[in-house]
Amino acid sequence: MPELPEVETVVRYLRPHLGGQVITDFHAHWPKVTAPIVPEEFAECISGRTIREVDRRGKYILWNLDQGHIHIHLRMTGQLSVISPGEVGDGRHITAEFTLSNSRQVAFRDTRKFGRIGYMDDLHALESGLGIEPLSAEFSPEWLHRELASRRRQIKPLLLDQAFIAGLGNIYVDEALFVARIHPLKKACDLSSAEAGRLQEAIQEILKESIHQDGTTIISFGFGEGRRGRYRELLQVFRRDGEPCPRCRTPLVKIRVAQRGTHLCPACQVPG
């Protein structure tokens, strides 16, 4: 599933194409793409609205309109591409299409059909379920240590909780815990101030570098017409079980944490 860097990459790709455009038409090839509302109702909400800004909150892509907001969740295989007039795009697996006032179209392609497009008059309901943005100034070492101190959950499941930190997923949590030398099963409240500081720094640096590399393409992430993320080549532990640790050469291992495949170095990331 695309995580914060992949979603941010898509937002940066869309932003110069969508700002100031009016949505003139919407067509759903897959009726459930706008669930729980029907496509006709969704189209009525957005027709004639101007896209003021394209933004991101956690793993959500937001089109802030002159009235209301479109939110898009890519889920496992969702991709967005802007198609110019006369351009022939890849028509396979398209679940929905927006038409803009400059005659361009935005196609939502989704092989598995798990992605969703929705509309909100305001973002209160969405915001209420999301935690802090890990690239914000508020996400400081002090904030993280203070928040971890009151939580007895294992650190990896806590970091995956979107109500705690918005945007992190399996890839970047494994990578950050490795860089910070923290075992994923360690209780959050047992992390020292120094460990919290290393973790905060690792999260931010990894996310920034992945955004610079247009995210990570493991299987299906892409945007535009065939563009893919390059951060896969920089991954240190994720899906590298059996390979030598880049720090100590101990073979990396894969375990299960909260029913998620988890990659780590058993020598660098010691439980306790």
Protein backbone atom coordinates (compact mmCIF):
# COMPACT_ATOMS: atom_id res chain seq x y z
CA MET A 1 0.00 0.00 0.00
CA PRO A 2 1.39 3.44 -0.84
CA GLU A 3 2.71 5.26 2.21
CA LEU A 4 3.45 8.91 2.87
CA PRO A 5 6.33 9.32 0.35
CA GLU A 6 4.37 7.68 -2.45
CA VAL A 7 1.26 9.78 -1.75
CA GLU A 8 3.35 12.95 -1.51
CA THR A 9 4.98 12.05 -4.84
CA VAL A 10 1.56 11.77 -6.48
CA VAL A 11 0.45 15.09 -4.95
CA ARG A 12 3.54 16.85 -6.33
CA TYR A 13 2.89 15.30 -9.73
CA LEU A 14 -0.76 16.44 -9.77
CA ARG A 15 -0.35 19.92 -8.29
CA PRO A 16 0.84 21.84 -11.40
CA HIS A 17 -1.85 20.22 -13.56
CA LEU A 18 -4.90 20.70 -11.34
CA GLY A 19 -4.64 24.05 -9.58
CA GLY A 20 -7.29 26.49 -10.79
CA GLN A 21 -9.06 23.96 -12.99
CA VAL A 22 -12.82 23.44 -12.91
CA ILE A 23 -14.17 19.89 -12.75
CA THR A 24 -16.55 19.62 -15.69
CA ASP A 25 -17.35 15.90 -15.61
CA PHE A 26 -16.85 12.73 -13.60
CA HIS A 27 -17.43 9.18 -14.74
CA ALA A 28 -17.08 6.02 -12.65
CA HIS A 29 -16.28 2.82 -14.53
CA TRP A 30 -16.42 0.95 -11.21
CA PRO A 31 -19.48 2.07 -9.23
CA LYS A 32 -18.00 1.19 -5.83
CA VAL A 33 -15.07 3.59 -6.30
CA THR A 34 -17.10 6.35 -4.59
CA ALA A 35 -18.66 4.09 -1.93
CA PRO A 36 -20.52 4.60 0.31
CA ILE A 37 -22.20 7.20 -1.94
CA VAL A 38 -23.18 6.41 -5.52
CA PRO A 39 -21.16 7.96 -8.40
CA GLU A 40 -24.09 10.14 -9.50
CA GLU A 41 -24.31 11.77 -6.08
CA PHE A 42 -20.54 12.24 -5.96
CA ALA A 43 -20.56 13.85 -9.43
CA GLU A 44 -23.31 16.24 -8.33
CA CYS A 45 -21.21 17.34 -5.34
CA ILE A 46 -18.12 18.18 -7.40
CA SER A 47 -19.46 19.30 -10.78
CA GLY A 48 -18.53 22.89 -11.56
CA ARG A 49 -16.21 23.18 -8.55
CA THR A 50 -12.77 24.77 -8.89
CA ILE A 51 -9.72 22.92 -7.58
CA ARG A 52 -7.98 25.45 -5.36
CA GLU A 53 -5.17 23.26 -4.07
CA VAL A 54 -3.87 19.69 -4.15
CA ASP A 55 -2.56 18.57 -0.76
CA ARG A 56 -1.91 15.50 1.38
CA ARG A 57 -2.96 14.39 4.85
CA GLY A 58 -1.43 11.10 5.98
CA LYS A 59 -2.05 8.66 3.13
CA TYR A 60 -4.92 10.70 1.67
CA ILE A 61 -4.67 12.86 -1.45
CA LEU A 62 -6.81 15.97 -1.02
CA TRP A 63 -8.27 18.19 -3.73
CA ASN A 64 -9.40 21.29 -1.86
CA LEU A 65 -12.23 22.83 -3.87
CA ASP A 66 -13.83 26.25 -3.73
CA GLN A 67 -16.52 24.40 -1.81
CA GLY A 68 -15.76 21.08 -0.17
CA HIS A 69 -12.96 18.56 -0.55
CA ILE A 70 -12.26 15.45 -2.64
CA HIS A 71 -10.22 12.82 -0.83
CA ILE A 72 -8.55 9.92 -2.62
CA HIS A 73 -7.04 6.84 -1.00
CA LEU A 74 -4.90 4.78 -3.37
CA ARG A 75 -5.00 1.66 -1.17
CA MET A 76 -2.99 -1.19 -2.69
CA THR A 77 -2.82 -0.52 -6.43
CA GLY A 78 -4.42 2.87 -7.14
CA GLN A 79 -2.64 5.16 -9.61
CA LEU A 80 -3.46 8.63 -10.95
CA SER A 81 -2.42 10.00 -14.31
CA VAL A 82 -3.16 13.26 -16.14
CA ILE A 83 -4.06 12.76 -19.81
CA SER A 84 -3.85 15.67 -22.24
CA PRO A 85 -6.35 16.15 -25.10
CA GLY A 86 -5.50 13.83 -27.97
CA GLU A 87 -3.15 11.77 -25.82
CA VAL A 88 -3.83 8.04 -25.74
CA GLY A 89 -3.32 6.73 -22.21
CA ASP A 90 -3.37 3.21 -20.86
CA GLY A 91 -7.09 2.46 -20.63
CA ARG A 92 -6.76 -0.74 -18.64
CA HIS A 93 -8.17 -1.00 -15.10
CA ILE A 94 -9.52 2.57 -15.01
CA THR A 95 -12.13 2.84 -12.27
CA ALA A 96 -12.90 6.56 -12.58
CA GLU A 97 -12.14 9.64 -14.70
CA PHE A 98 -12.35 13.36 -13.99
CA THR A 99 -12.59 15.86 -16.86
CA LEU A 100 -11.18 19.35 -16.30
CA SER A 101 -11.95 22.72 -17.86
CA ASN A 102 -8.71 22.60 -19.91
CA SER A 103 -10.01 19.32 -21.47
CA ARG A 104 -7.42 17.24 -19.64
CA GLN A 105 -8.57 14.12 -17.83
CA VAL A 106 -7.38 12.61 -14.57
CA ALA A 107 -7.65 8.84 -14.70
CA PHE A 108 -7.79 6.69 -11.57
CA ARG A 109 -6.41 3.28 -12.47
CA ASP A 110 -6.75 0.50 -9.89
CA THR A 111 -6.06 -3.14 -10.70
CA ARG A 112 -7.36 -4.53 -7.40
CA LYS A 113 -10.23 -1.99 -7.13
CA PHE A 114 -9.62 -1.25 -3.43
CA GLY A 115 -8.94 2.46 -3.95
CA ARG A 116 -11.64 4.96 -3.04
CA ILE A 117 -12.64 8.51 -3.97
CA GLY A 118 -14.84 10.52 -1.62
CA TYR A 119 -16.24 13.97 -0.93
CA MET A 120 -16.52 15.95 2.31
CA ASP A 121 -17.99 19.38 2.96
CA ASP A 122 -15.24 19.82 5.56
CA LEU A 123 -12.32 17.68 6.73
CA HIS A 124 -13.25 17.39 10.39
CA ALA A 125 -14.21 13.71 10.21
CA LEU A 126 -11.01 12.81 8.37
CA GLU A 127 -8.80 14.88 10.67
CA SER A 128 -10.32 13.36 13.78
CA GLY A 129 -8.95 9.95 12.85
CA LEU A 130 -5.41 11.00 11.95
CA GLY A 131 -2.39 11.63 14.13
CA ILE A 132 0.55 13.98 13.77
CA GLU A 133 2.29 14.52 10.44
CA PRO A 134 5.82 13.08 10.76
CA LEU A 135 7.36 15.78 8.55
CA SER A 136 5.80 18.64 10.52
CA ALA A 137 7.71 20.87 12.92
CA GLU A 138 5.53 19.55 15.75
CA PHE A 139 6.97 16.06 15.29
CA SER A 140 10.03 16.67 17.44
CA PRO A 141 12.18 14.28 19.52
CA GLU A 142 10.63 15.75 22.65
CA TRP A 143 7.08 15.19 21.37
CA LEU A 144 7.83 11.60 20.40
CA HIS A 145 9.50 10.69 23.69
CA ARG A 146 6.70 12.28 25.69
CA GLU A 147 4.01 10.44 23.72
CA LEU A 148 5.81 7.09 23.82
CA ALA A 149 6.29 7.30 27.58
CA SER A 150 2.56 6.81 28.23
CA ARG A 151 2.03 3.90 25.82
CA ARG A 152 2.68 0.25 26.56
CA ARG A 153 2.09 -1.02 23.02
CA GLN A 154 4.91 -2.56 21.05
CA ILE A 155 6.67 0.14 19.07
CA LYS A 156 6.03 -1.17 15.56
CA PRO A 157 2.21 -1.54 15.85
CA LEU A 158 2.09 1.89 17.48
CA LEU A 159 4.02 3.51 14.62
CA LEU A 160 1.67 1.85 12.13
CA ASP A 161 -1.37 3.31 13.90
CA GLN A 162 -2.60 6.19 11.70
CA ALA A 163 -4.28 7.79 14.71
CA PHE A 164 -0.83 8.15 16.31
CA ILE A 165 1.35 9.13 13.35
CA ALA A 166 -0.27 9.67 9.95
CA GLY A 167 1.36 8.25 6.85
CA LEU A 168 3.74 5.55 8.05
CA GLY A 169 3.42 1.98 6.82
CA ASN A 170 5.29 -1.30 6.88
CA ILE A 171 8.18 -0.26 4.64
CA TYR A 172 9.25 2.91 6.39
CA VAL A 173 8.61 1.67 9.93
CA ASP A 174 10.94 -1.30 9.34
CA GLU A 175 13.56 0.99 7.82
CA ALA A 176 13.34 3.60 10.60
CA LEU A 177 13.51 1.05 13.42
CA PHE A 178 16.60 -0.48 11.82
CA VAL A 179 18.35 2.86 11.46
CA ALA A 180 17.45 3.74 15.07
CA ARG A 181 18.60 0.28 16.31
CA ILE A 182 15.26 -0.43 17.98
CA HIS A 183 13.63 -3.87 18.05
CA PRO A 184 10.04 -3.72 16.70
CA LEU A 185 8.70 -5.68 19.69
CA LYS A 186 10.05 -3.28 22.28
CA LYS A 187 7.38 -1.50 24.33
CA ALA A 188 6.99 2.15 23.41
CA CYS A 189 7.19 3.27 27.03
CA ASP A 190 10.57 1.57 27.44
CA LEU A 191 12.30 3.69 24.81
CA SER A 192 14.84 6.09 26.25
CA SER A 193 15.06 9.73 25.31
CA ALA A 194 18.08 8.93 23.13
CA GLU A 195 16.23 6.12 21.34
CA ALA A 196 13.22 8.36 20.71
CA GLY A 197 15.55 10.99 19.30
CA ARG A 198 17.20 8.49 16.95
CA LEU A 199 13.80 7.21 15.85
CA GLN A 200 12.41 10.68 15.16
CA GLU A 201 15.47 11.58 13.11
CA ALA A 202 15.38 8.28 11.21
CA ILE A 203 11.69 8.66 10.34
CA GLN A 204 12.12 12.15 8.98
CA GLU A 205 15.32 11.50 7.05
CA ILE A 206 14.01 8.29 5.46
CA LEU A 207 10.71 9.91 4.44
CA LYS A 208 12.50 12.93 2.94
CA GLU A 209 14.92 10.79 0.95
CA SER A 210 12.14 8.53 -0.31
CA ILE A 211 10.16 11.57 -1.48
CA HIS A 212 13.31 12.75 -3.26
CA GLN A 213 13.40 9.35 -5.00
CA ASP A 214 9.68 9.49 -5.93
CA GLY A 215 8.82 6.83 -3.34
CA THR A 216 9.26 3.07 -3.33
CA THR A 217 7.93 0.78 -6.03
CA ILE A 218 7.89 -2.79 -4.72
CA ILE A 219 5.15 -4.27 -6.89
CA SER A 220 2.65 -1.83 -8.29
CA PHE A 221 3.18 1.77 -7.13
CA GLY A 222 3.32 4.19 -10.03
CA PHE A 223 2.03 7.57 -11.14
CA GLY A 224 1.54 9.38 -14.38
CA GLU A 225 2.07 7.16 -17.39
CA GLY A 226 4.49 4.50 -16.20
CA ARG A 227 6.57 6.51 -13.71
CA ARG A 228 7.87 4.52 -10.73
CA GLY A 229 9.62 5.18 -7.43
CA ARG A 230 13.38 4.68 -7.07
CA TYR A 231 13.80 4.28 -3.29
CA ARG A 232 13.66 0.49 -3.50
CA GLU A 233 17.38 0.44 -4.29
CA LEU A 234 18.10 2.27 -1.02
CA LEU A 235 16.10 -0.01 1.29
CA GLN A 236 18.35 -1.48 3.97
CA VAL A 237 16.18 -4.20 5.53
CA PHE A 238 12.70 -4.31 4.00
CA ARG A 239 12.31 -7.53 1.99
CA ARG A 240 16.02 -8.22 2.36
CA ASP A 241 15.74 -11.14 4.79
CA GLY A 242 18.66 -13.56 4.38
CA GLU A 243 20.96 -10.82 3.10
CA PRO A 244 23.83 -9.51 5.28
CA CYS A 245 23.06 -6.54 7.52
CA PRO A 246 24.56 -3.39 5.95
CA ARG A 247 26.04 -2.51 9.37
CA CYS A 248 27.29 -5.77 10.93
CA ARG A 249 26.89 -8.40 8.17
CA THR A 250 24.62 -10.60 10.32
CA PRO A 251 21.91 -12.16 8.11
CA LEU A 252 18.72 -10.14 8.23
CA VAL A 253 15.57 -11.95 9.36
CA LYS A 254 11.83 -11.70 8.87
CA ILE A 255 9.42 -12.14 11.77
CA ARG A 256 5.72 -11.46 12.33
CA VAL A 257 4.70 -8.45 14.41
CA ALA A 258 1.01 -7.67 14.76
CA GLN A 259 0.41 -9.98 11.79
CA ARG A 260 2.73 -7.95 9.58
CA GLY A 261 5.92 -9.21 7.97
CA THR A 262 8.74 -7.40 9.75
CA HIS A 263 12.39 -7.18 8.70
CA LEU A 264 15.27 -6.55 11.08
CA CYS A 265 18.82 -7.33 12.08
CA PRO A 266 18.88 -9.68 15.13
CA ALA A 267 22.29 -8.35 16.15
CA CYS A 268 21.70 -4.59 15.75
CA GLN A 269 18.11 -4.58 17.01
CA VAL A 270 18.13 -6.45 20.29
CA PRO A 271 14.84 -7.01 22.20
CA GLY A 272 14.43 -5.51 25.64
